[in-house]
Amino acid sequence: MRVTKRTNIAMRVLMFCAANTGRLVTKAEIAERCNASENHLAQVINQLGQLGFLHTQRGRNGGLELGRPADQIRIGDVFRVLEAPVPLAECFADVDNTCPLKDACRLRTALTDAVEAFYLSLDPITLDALVCTNADLLDILNPERACAAREAALAV
């Protein structure tokens, strides 16, 4: 299984927002830190907003933030909704399925089980678990916060 570019970018967006809680972030900030084009980001941000993973605010002082707390965003849920429309193999496609084996092939069942096992392995993982105690990631996504946290720890 290969994760689509859309899901990869979505995870970067969610992790960036989780690393920058307490303020609205901009698409330009995410594009710079996460090495993604603003055009791709706009599409992904729109979809994440429609799905309730993000809250977006338009206008001069607009931006985006998580739609719910990071500890309530399960990675399996994110992957399921973003990857579901992409057929794993030709036999999973509603249209353009020309496989002559589709009615007798057991591989489809095995692949379905494998994909579900993949999602099940992601279900216990929250966005919070990926970001909040990950100092190396915070150094990349929010260097000011990471530096402030380090300085506070050294002062104790």
N, C-alpha and C. Protein backbone atom coordinates (compact mmCIF):
# COMPACT_ATOMS: atom_id res chain seq x y z
N MET A 1 0.85 -1.18 0.00
CA MET A 1 0.00 0.00 0.00
C MET A 1 0.89 1.24 0.00
N ARG A 2 0.48 2.22 -0.75
CA ARG A 2 1.22 3.47 -0.79
C ARG A 2 0.29 4.61 -0.40
N VAL A 3 0.72 5.44 0.51
CA VAL A 3 -0.08 6.58 0.96
C VAL A 3 -0.06 7.65 -0.12
N THR A 4 -1.22 8.21 -0.41
CA THR A 4 -1.31 9.24 -1.45
C THR A 4 -0.65 10.54 -0.99
N LYS A 5 -0.31 11.36 -1.96
CA LYS A 5 0.28 12.67 -1.67
C LYS A 5 -0.69 13.51 -0.84
N ARG A 6 -1.98 13.40 -1.13
CA ARG A 6 -3.01 14.16 -0.41
C ARG A 6 -2.98 13.82 1.09
N THR A 7 -2.90 12.54 1.42
CA THR A 7 -2.86 12.13 2.83
C THR A 7 -1.56 12.57 3.48
N ASN A 8 -0.46 12.46 2.76
CA ASN A 8 0.83 12.90 3.28
C ASN A 8 0.78 14.38 3.63
N ILE A 9 0.26 15.19 2.73
CA ILE A 9 0.16 16.63 2.98
C ILE A 9 -0.82 16.90 4.12
N ALA A 10 -1.92 16.17 4.17
CA ALA A 10 -2.90 16.35 5.24
C ALA A 10 -2.26 16.11 6.62
N MET A 11 -1.44 15.08 6.70
CA MET A 11 -0.78 14.79 7.97
C MET A 11 0.19 15.91 8.35
N ARG A 12 0.90 16.46 7.38
CA ARG A 12 1.80 17.58 7.65
C ARG A 12 1.01 18.78 8.18
N VAL A 13 -0.12 19.06 7.55
CA VAL A 13 -0.96 20.18 7.97
C VAL A 13 -1.44 19.97 9.41
N LEU A 14 -1.96 18.79 9.69
CA LEU A 14 -2.47 18.50 11.04
C LEU A 14 -1.36 18.57 12.08
N MET A 15 -0.19 18.03 11.75
CA MET A 15 0.93 18.07 12.70
C MET A 15 1.39 19.51 12.92
N PHE A 16 1.42 20.31 11.86
CA PHE A 16 1.82 21.71 12.01
C PHE A 16 0.85 22.44 12.92
N CYS A 17 -0.45 22.23 12.70
CA CYS A 17 -1.46 22.88 13.55
C CYS A 17 -1.34 22.41 15.00
N ALA A 18 -1.09 21.13 15.21
CA ALA A 18 -0.94 20.60 16.57
C ALA A 18 0.29 21.19 17.26
N ALA A 19 1.34 21.44 16.49
CA ALA A 19 2.57 22.01 17.05
C ALA A 19 2.43 23.51 17.31
N ASN A 20 1.38 24.11 16.77
CA ASN A 20 1.18 25.55 16.90
C ASN A 20 -0.19 25.87 17.48
N THR A 21 -0.58 25.14 18.50
CA THR A 21 -1.88 25.37 19.11
C THR A 21 -1.92 26.73 19.78
N GLY A 22 -3.12 27.25 19.92
CA GLY A 22 -3.28 28.54 20.58
C GLY A 22 -3.22 29.73 19.64
N ARG A 23 -3.05 29.48 18.36
CA ARG A 23 -3.04 30.57 17.38
C ARG A 23 -3.48 30.04 16.02
N LEU A 24 -3.94 30.95 15.18
CA LEU A 24 -4.26 30.58 13.81
C LEU A 24 -2.96 30.55 13.01
N VAL A 25 -2.80 29.54 12.19
CA VAL A 25 -1.63 29.45 11.33
C VAL A 25 -2.06 29.73 9.90
N THR A 26 -1.12 30.09 9.06
CA THR A 26 -1.46 30.40 7.67
C THR A 26 -0.97 29.30 6.74
N LYS A 27 -1.59 29.28 5.60
CA LYS A 27 -1.21 28.35 4.55
C LYS A 27 0.24 28.58 4.13
N ALA A 28 0.65 29.85 4.08
CA ALA A 28 2.03 30.17 3.69
C ALA A 28 3.04 29.62 4.69
N GLU A 29 2.72 29.71 5.98
CA GLU A 29 3.61 29.16 7.02
C GLU A 29 3.77 27.65 6.84
N ILE A 30 2.65 26.98 6.62
CA ILE A 30 2.68 25.53 6.45
C ILE A 30 3.48 25.16 5.21
N ALA A 31 3.24 25.89 4.12
CA ALA A 31 3.95 25.61 2.87
C ALA A 31 5.45 25.72 3.06
N GLU A 32 5.88 26.74 3.78
CA GLU A 32 7.32 26.94 4.00
C GLU A 32 7.91 25.85 4.87
N ARG A 33 7.30 25.56 6.00
CA ARG A 33 7.84 24.59 6.95
C ARG A 33 7.72 23.15 6.47
N CYS A 34 6.65 22.87 5.72
CA CYS A 34 6.34 21.47 5.36
C CYS A 34 6.67 21.12 3.92
N ASN A 35 7.31 22.06 3.21
CA ASN A 35 7.74 21.81 1.84
C ASN A 35 6.58 21.31 0.96
N ALA A 36 5.52 22.11 0.91
CA ALA A 36 4.35 21.76 0.12
C ALA A 36 3.89 23.00 -0.64
N SER A 37 3.32 22.79 -1.81
CA SER A 37 2.84 23.93 -2.58
C SER A 37 1.54 24.45 -1.98
N GLU A 38 1.36 25.76 -2.07
CA GLU A 38 0.14 26.37 -1.52
C GLU A 38 -1.10 25.88 -2.27
N ASN A 39 -0.96 25.54 -3.55
CA ASN A 39 -2.11 25.04 -4.30
C ASN A 39 -2.57 23.69 -3.75
N HIS A 40 -1.63 22.77 -3.52
CA HIS A 40 -1.99 21.48 -2.93
C HIS A 40 -2.56 21.68 -1.53
N LEU A 41 -1.92 22.55 -0.76
CA LEU A 41 -2.39 22.82 0.59
C LEU A 41 -3.82 23.33 0.61
N ALA A 42 -4.16 24.22 -0.30
CA ALA A 42 -5.51 24.79 -0.33
C ALA A 42 -6.56 23.70 -0.49
N GLN A 43 -6.31 22.76 -1.38
CA GLN A 43 -7.26 21.65 -1.60
C GLN A 43 -7.37 20.77 -0.36
N VAL A 44 -6.24 20.44 0.23
CA VAL A 44 -6.22 19.56 1.39
C VAL A 44 -6.85 20.26 2.60
N ILE A 45 -6.53 21.52 2.80
CA ILE A 45 -7.09 22.28 3.92
C ILE A 45 -8.61 22.36 3.80
N ASN A 46 -9.09 22.60 2.59
CA ASN A 46 -10.53 22.64 2.36
C ASN A 46 -11.19 21.32 2.75
N GLN A 47 -10.60 20.22 2.31
CA GLN A 47 -11.16 18.90 2.62
C GLN A 47 -11.10 18.62 4.12
N LEU A 48 -9.97 18.92 4.77
CA LEU A 48 -9.85 18.70 6.21
C LEU A 48 -10.86 19.55 6.99
N GLY A 49 -11.13 20.74 6.49
CA GLY A 49 -12.13 21.60 7.11
C GLY A 49 -13.52 21.01 6.98
N GLN A 50 -13.86 20.52 5.79
CA GLN A 50 -15.17 19.90 5.57
C GLN A 50 -15.35 18.66 6.44
N LEU A 51 -14.28 17.96 6.71
CA LEU A 51 -14.34 16.74 7.52
C LEU A 51 -14.30 17.02 9.02
N GLY A 52 -14.10 18.28 9.41
CA GLY A 52 -14.09 18.64 10.82
C GLY A 52 -12.75 18.51 11.51
N PHE A 53 -11.70 18.16 10.77
CA PHE A 53 -10.38 18.05 11.38
C PHE A 53 -9.75 19.43 11.58
N LEU A 54 -10.16 20.40 10.76
CA LEU A 54 -9.65 21.77 10.86
C LEU A 54 -10.81 22.75 10.98
N HIS A 55 -10.50 23.88 11.61
CA HIS A 55 -11.40 25.02 11.62
C HIS A 55 -10.68 26.11 10.84
N THR A 56 -11.33 26.65 9.83
CA THR A 56 -10.72 27.69 9.03
C THR A 56 -11.45 29.00 9.25
N GLN A 57 -10.69 30.08 9.22
CA GLN A 57 -11.26 31.41 9.38
C GLN A 57 -10.76 32.26 8.23
N ARG A 58 -11.69 32.79 7.47
CA ARG A 58 -11.33 33.60 6.31
C ARG A 58 -11.08 35.04 6.73
N GLY A 59 -10.47 35.77 5.82
CA GLY A 59 -10.30 37.20 6.03
C GLY A 59 -8.88 37.61 6.34
N ARG A 60 -8.75 38.89 6.58
CA ARG A 60 -7.43 39.49 6.80
C ARG A 60 -6.67 38.85 7.95
N ASN A 61 -7.35 38.56 9.03
CA ASN A 61 -6.70 37.93 10.18
C ASN A 61 -7.05 36.44 10.26
N GLY A 62 -7.32 35.87 9.11
CA GLY A 62 -7.73 34.47 9.06
C GLY A 62 -6.58 33.50 9.18
N GLY A 63 -6.93 32.26 9.12
CA GLY A 63 -5.96 31.18 9.21
C GLY A 63 -6.68 29.90 9.54
N LEU A 64 -5.96 28.96 10.07
CA LEU A 64 -6.58 27.69 10.41
C LEU A 64 -5.99 27.15 11.70
N GLU A 65 -6.77 26.27 12.31
CA GLU A 65 -6.37 25.60 13.54
C GLU A 65 -7.08 24.26 13.57
N LEU A 66 -6.70 23.42 14.50
CA LEU A 66 -7.34 22.12 14.62
C LEU A 66 -8.83 22.32 14.92
N GLY A 67 -9.64 21.46 14.35
CA GLY A 67 -11.08 21.52 14.56
C GLY A 67 -11.49 20.88 15.87
N ARG A 68 -10.62 20.12 16.45
CA ARG A 68 -10.85 19.51 17.77
C ARG A 68 -9.48 19.24 18.38
N PRO A 69 -9.43 18.96 19.67
CA PRO A 69 -8.12 18.75 20.31
C PRO A 69 -7.34 17.61 19.66
N ALA A 70 -6.03 17.76 19.66
CA ALA A 70 -5.14 16.78 19.02
C ALA A 70 -5.30 15.38 19.60
N ASP A 71 -5.65 15.28 20.87
CA ASP A 71 -5.82 13.95 21.46
C ASP A 71 -7.14 13.30 21.06
N GLN A 72 -7.96 14.01 20.31
CA GLN A 72 -9.22 13.45 19.82
C GLN A 72 -9.19 13.18 18.31
N ILE A 73 -8.04 13.38 17.70
CA ILE A 73 -7.89 13.10 16.26
C ILE A 73 -7.11 11.80 16.12
N ARG A 74 -7.79 10.77 15.67
CA ARG A 74 -7.18 9.45 15.49
C ARG A 74 -6.64 9.36 14.06
N ILE A 75 -5.41 8.93 13.96
CA ILE A 75 -4.74 8.86 12.65
C ILE A 75 -5.44 7.88 11.72
N GLY A 76 -5.94 6.78 12.26
CA GLY A 76 -6.70 5.82 11.44
C GLY A 76 -7.91 6.47 10.80
N ASP A 77 -8.59 7.36 11.51
CA ASP A 77 -9.76 8.06 10.95
C ASP A 77 -9.34 8.96 9.79
N VAL A 78 -8.24 9.67 9.97
CA VAL A 78 -7.75 10.57 8.92
C VAL A 78 -7.41 9.76 7.67
N PHE A 79 -6.67 8.69 7.84
CA PHE A 79 -6.28 7.87 6.69
C PHE A 79 -7.49 7.24 6.01
N ARG A 80 -8.44 6.76 6.78
CA ARG A 80 -9.63 6.12 6.19
C ARG A 80 -10.37 7.06 5.26
N VAL A 81 -10.64 8.28 5.74
CA VAL A 81 -11.44 9.18 4.91
C VAL A 81 -10.67 9.73 3.72
N LEU A 82 -9.38 9.89 3.86
CA LEU A 82 -8.60 10.44 2.75
C LEU A 82 -8.18 9.37 1.74
N GLU A 83 -7.94 8.16 2.19
CA GLU A 83 -7.47 7.10 1.30
C GLU A 83 -8.62 6.28 0.69
N ALA A 84 -9.79 6.30 1.31
CA ALA A 84 -10.90 5.45 0.86
C ALA A 84 -11.28 5.65 -0.60
N PRO A 85 -11.29 6.88 -1.12
CA PRO A 85 -11.69 7.05 -2.52
C PRO A 85 -10.70 6.49 -3.54
N VAL A 86 -9.49 6.18 -3.09
CA VAL A 86 -8.45 5.70 -4.01
C VAL A 86 -8.47 4.17 -4.03
N PRO A 87 -8.81 3.57 -5.17
CA PRO A 87 -8.84 2.11 -5.22
C PRO A 87 -7.44 1.52 -5.04
N LEU A 88 -7.35 0.49 -4.21
CA LEU A 88 -6.07 -0.16 -3.94
C LEU A 88 -5.57 -0.88 -5.19
N ALA A 89 -6.47 -1.49 -5.90
CA ALA A 89 -6.14 -2.21 -7.13
C ALA A 89 -7.31 -2.04 -8.10
N GLU A 90 -7.10 -2.40 -9.33
CA GLU A 90 -8.13 -2.24 -10.36
C GLU A 90 -9.45 -2.88 -9.95
N CYS A 91 -9.39 -4.03 -9.30
CA CYS A 91 -10.62 -4.74 -8.95
C CYS A 91 -11.45 -4.01 -7.88
N PHE A 92 -10.87 -2.99 -7.23
CA PHE A 92 -11.60 -2.21 -6.24
C PHE A 92 -12.32 -1.02 -6.87
N ALA A 93 -12.02 -0.73 -8.12
CA ALA A 93 -12.63 0.41 -8.79
C ALA A 93 -14.05 0.08 -9.23
N ASP A 94 -14.94 1.05 -9.02
CA ASP A 94 -16.33 0.85 -9.46
C ASP A 94 -16.42 0.89 -10.98
N VAL A 95 -15.66 1.77 -11.56
CA VAL A 95 -15.60 1.87 -13.02
C VAL A 95 -14.18 1.52 -13.44
N ASP A 96 -14.01 1.26 -14.69
CA ASP A 96 -12.69 0.93 -15.24
C ASP A 96 -12.12 -0.38 -14.70
N ASN A 97 -12.96 -1.24 -14.18
CA ASN A 97 -12.49 -2.55 -13.72
C ASN A 97 -12.65 -3.54 -14.87
N THR A 98 -11.54 -3.89 -15.47
CA THR A 98 -11.58 -4.82 -16.60
C THR A 98 -11.00 -6.18 -16.26
N CYS A 99 -10.73 -6.40 -14.97
CA CYS A 99 -10.10 -7.66 -14.57
C CYS A 99 -11.07 -8.83 -14.79
N PRO A 100 -10.68 -9.81 -15.57
CA PRO A 100 -11.56 -10.95 -15.83
C PRO A 100 -11.64 -11.93 -14.65
N LEU A 101 -10.80 -11.75 -13.64
CA LEU A 101 -10.76 -12.66 -12.51
C LEU A 101 -11.64 -12.21 -11.34
N LYS A 102 -12.23 -11.03 -11.44
CA LYS A 102 -12.87 -10.40 -10.29
C LYS A 102 -13.92 -11.26 -9.59
N ASP A 103 -14.63 -12.09 -10.29
CA ASP A 103 -15.68 -12.91 -9.66
C ASP A 103 -15.13 -14.14 -8.93
N ALA A 104 -13.89 -14.52 -9.21
CA ALA A 104 -13.34 -15.74 -8.60
C ALA A 104 -12.07 -15.50 -7.79
N CYS A 105 -11.53 -14.32 -7.85
CA CYS A 105 -10.23 -14.04 -7.23
C CYS A 105 -10.35 -13.83 -5.72
N ARG A 106 -9.52 -14.53 -4.99
CA ARG A 106 -9.50 -14.38 -3.53
C ARG A 106 -8.51 -13.31 -3.07
N LEU A 107 -7.73 -12.81 -3.99
CA LEU A 107 -6.76 -11.77 -3.64
C LEU A 107 -7.46 -10.51 -3.16
N ARG A 108 -8.60 -10.18 -3.76
CA ARG A 108 -9.35 -9.00 -3.35
C ARG A 108 -9.71 -9.07 -1.86
N THR A 109 -10.16 -10.23 -1.40
CA THR A 109 -10.51 -10.40 0.01
C THR A 109 -9.27 -10.25 0.88
N ALA A 110 -8.17 -10.84 0.45
CA ALA A 110 -6.93 -10.74 1.22
C ALA A 110 -6.45 -9.28 1.29
N LEU A 111 -6.56 -8.56 0.19
CA LEU A 111 -6.15 -7.16 0.18
C LEU A 111 -7.07 -6.31 1.05
N THR A 112 -8.36 -6.60 1.02
CA THR A 112 -9.31 -5.88 1.88
C THR A 112 -8.95 -6.08 3.35
N ASP A 113 -8.65 -7.31 3.72
CA ASP A 113 -8.26 -7.62 5.10
C ASP A 113 -6.96 -6.91 5.47
N ALA A 114 -6.01 -6.86 4.53
CA ALA A 114 -4.72 -6.21 4.80
C ALA A 114 -4.90 -4.70 5.00
N VAL A 115 -5.73 -4.09 4.18
CA VAL A 115 -5.97 -2.65 4.31
C VAL A 115 -6.64 -2.36 5.65
N GLU A 116 -7.61 -3.17 6.02
CA GLU A 116 -8.29 -2.95 7.30
C GLU A 116 -7.32 -3.13 8.47
N ALA A 117 -6.41 -4.09 8.37
CA ALA A 117 -5.40 -4.27 9.42
C ALA A 117 -4.48 -3.04 9.50
N PHE A 118 -4.17 -2.47 8.36
CA PHE A 118 -3.36 -1.24 8.30
C PHE A 118 -4.07 -0.12 9.06
N TYR A 119 -5.35 0.11 8.76
CA TYR A 119 -6.11 1.16 9.43
C TYR A 119 -6.25 0.86 10.93
N LEU A 120 -6.50 -0.39 11.27
CA LEU A 120 -6.63 -0.76 12.68
C LEU A 120 -5.34 -0.48 13.45
N SER A 121 -4.20 -0.65 12.79
CA SER A 121 -2.93 -0.37 13.47
C SER A 121 -2.74 1.13 13.72
N LEU A 122 -3.40 1.97 12.93
CA LEU A 122 -3.30 3.42 13.09
C LEU A 122 -4.35 3.97 14.06
N ASP A 123 -5.42 3.21 14.31
CA ASP A 123 -6.52 3.70 15.15
C ASP A 123 -6.11 4.13 16.55
N PRO A 124 -5.23 3.43 17.25
CA PRO A 124 -4.89 3.87 18.61
C PRO A 124 -4.01 5.11 18.66
N ILE A 125 -3.44 5.51 17.53
CA ILE A 125 -2.50 6.62 17.50
C ILE A 125 -3.25 7.93 17.31
N THR A 126 -3.00 8.87 18.22
CA THR A 126 -3.62 10.18 18.10
C THR A 126 -2.61 11.18 17.55
N LEU A 127 -3.13 12.28 17.05
CA LEU A 127 -2.28 13.36 16.57
C LEU A 127 -1.40 13.87 17.71
N ASP A 128 -1.97 13.95 18.87
CA ASP A 128 -1.26 14.38 20.07
C ASP A 128 -0.03 13.50 20.31
N ALA A 129 -0.19 12.21 20.17
CA ALA A 129 0.93 11.27 20.41
C ALA A 129 2.04 11.45 19.38
N LEU A 130 1.70 11.87 18.18
CA LEU A 130 2.71 12.07 17.14
C LEU A 130 3.51 13.36 17.35
N VAL A 131 2.87 14.36 17.97
CA VAL A 131 3.47 15.69 17.99
C VAL A 131 3.95 16.15 19.36
N CYS A 132 3.12 16.04 20.37
CA CYS A 132 3.33 16.79 21.61
C CYS A 132 4.59 16.44 22.40
N THR A 133 5.05 15.24 22.35
CA THR A 133 6.28 14.90 23.07
C THR A 133 7.44 14.64 22.11
N ASN A 134 7.29 15.07 20.90
CA ASN A 134 8.29 14.84 19.86
C ASN A 134 9.12 16.12 19.67
N ALA A 135 10.15 16.26 20.48
CA ALA A 135 10.98 17.48 20.46
C ALA A 135 11.60 17.73 19.09
N ASP A 136 12.05 16.69 18.41
CA ASP A 136 12.67 16.87 17.10
C ASP A 136 11.67 17.44 16.09
N LEU A 137 10.44 16.94 16.14
CA LEU A 137 9.40 17.44 15.23
C LEU A 137 9.04 18.89 15.58
N LEU A 138 8.93 19.19 16.87
CA LEU A 138 8.62 20.55 17.29
C LEU A 138 9.71 21.53 16.88
N ASP A 139 10.96 21.08 16.88
CA ASP A 139 12.06 21.93 16.40
C ASP A 139 11.85 22.34 14.95
N ILE A 140 11.27 21.47 14.17
CA ILE A 140 11.03 21.74 12.75
C ILE A 140 9.76 22.57 12.56
N LEU A 141 8.68 22.17 13.21
CA LEU A 141 7.38 22.78 12.96
C LEU A 141 7.13 24.06 13.75
N ASN A 142 7.80 24.21 14.89
CA ASN A 142 7.60 25.40 15.70
C ASN A 142 8.87 25.68 16.49
N PRO A 143 9.92 26.13 15.82
CA PRO A 143 11.21 26.29 16.49
C PRO A 143 11.17 27.28 17.65
N GLU A 144 10.33 28.33 17.56
CA GLU A 144 10.25 29.30 18.66
C GLU A 144 9.73 28.63 19.92
N ARG A 145 8.69 27.83 19.79
CA ARG A 145 8.10 27.14 20.94
C ARG A 145 9.09 26.13 21.52
N ALA A 146 9.74 25.39 20.63
CA ALA A 146 10.69 24.38 21.09
C ALA A 146 11.85 25.04 21.84
N CYS A 147 12.33 26.18 21.33
CA CYS A 147 13.42 26.88 22.00
C CYS A 147 12.96 27.40 23.36
N ALA A 148 11.76 27.94 23.41
CA ALA A 148 11.22 28.46 24.68
C ALA A 148 11.07 27.34 25.69
N ALA A 149 10.62 26.18 25.26
CA ALA A 149 10.45 25.04 26.15
C ALA A 149 11.80 24.57 26.68
N ARG A 150 12.80 24.54 25.82
CA ARG A 150 14.14 24.13 26.23
C ARG A 150 14.73 25.12 27.26
N GLU A 151 14.54 26.42 26.96
CA GLU A 151 15.05 27.44 27.88
C GLU A 151 14.37 27.35 29.23
N ALA A 152 13.07 27.10 29.22
CA ALA A 152 12.33 26.95 30.49
C ALA A 152 12.84 25.75 31.26
N ALA A 153 13.14 24.67 30.57
CA ALA A 153 13.63 23.43 31.22
C ALA A 153 15.02 23.68 31.81
N LEU A 154 15.84 24.45 31.11
CA LEU A 154 17.19 24.72 31.60
C LEU A 154 17.15 25.66 32.80
N ALA A 155 16.16 26.52 32.89
CA ALA A 155 16.06 27.46 33.99
C ALA A 155 15.68 26.81 35.30
N VAL A 156 15.10 25.61 35.21
CA VAL A 156 14.66 24.90 36.43
C VAL A 156 15.79 24.25 37.14
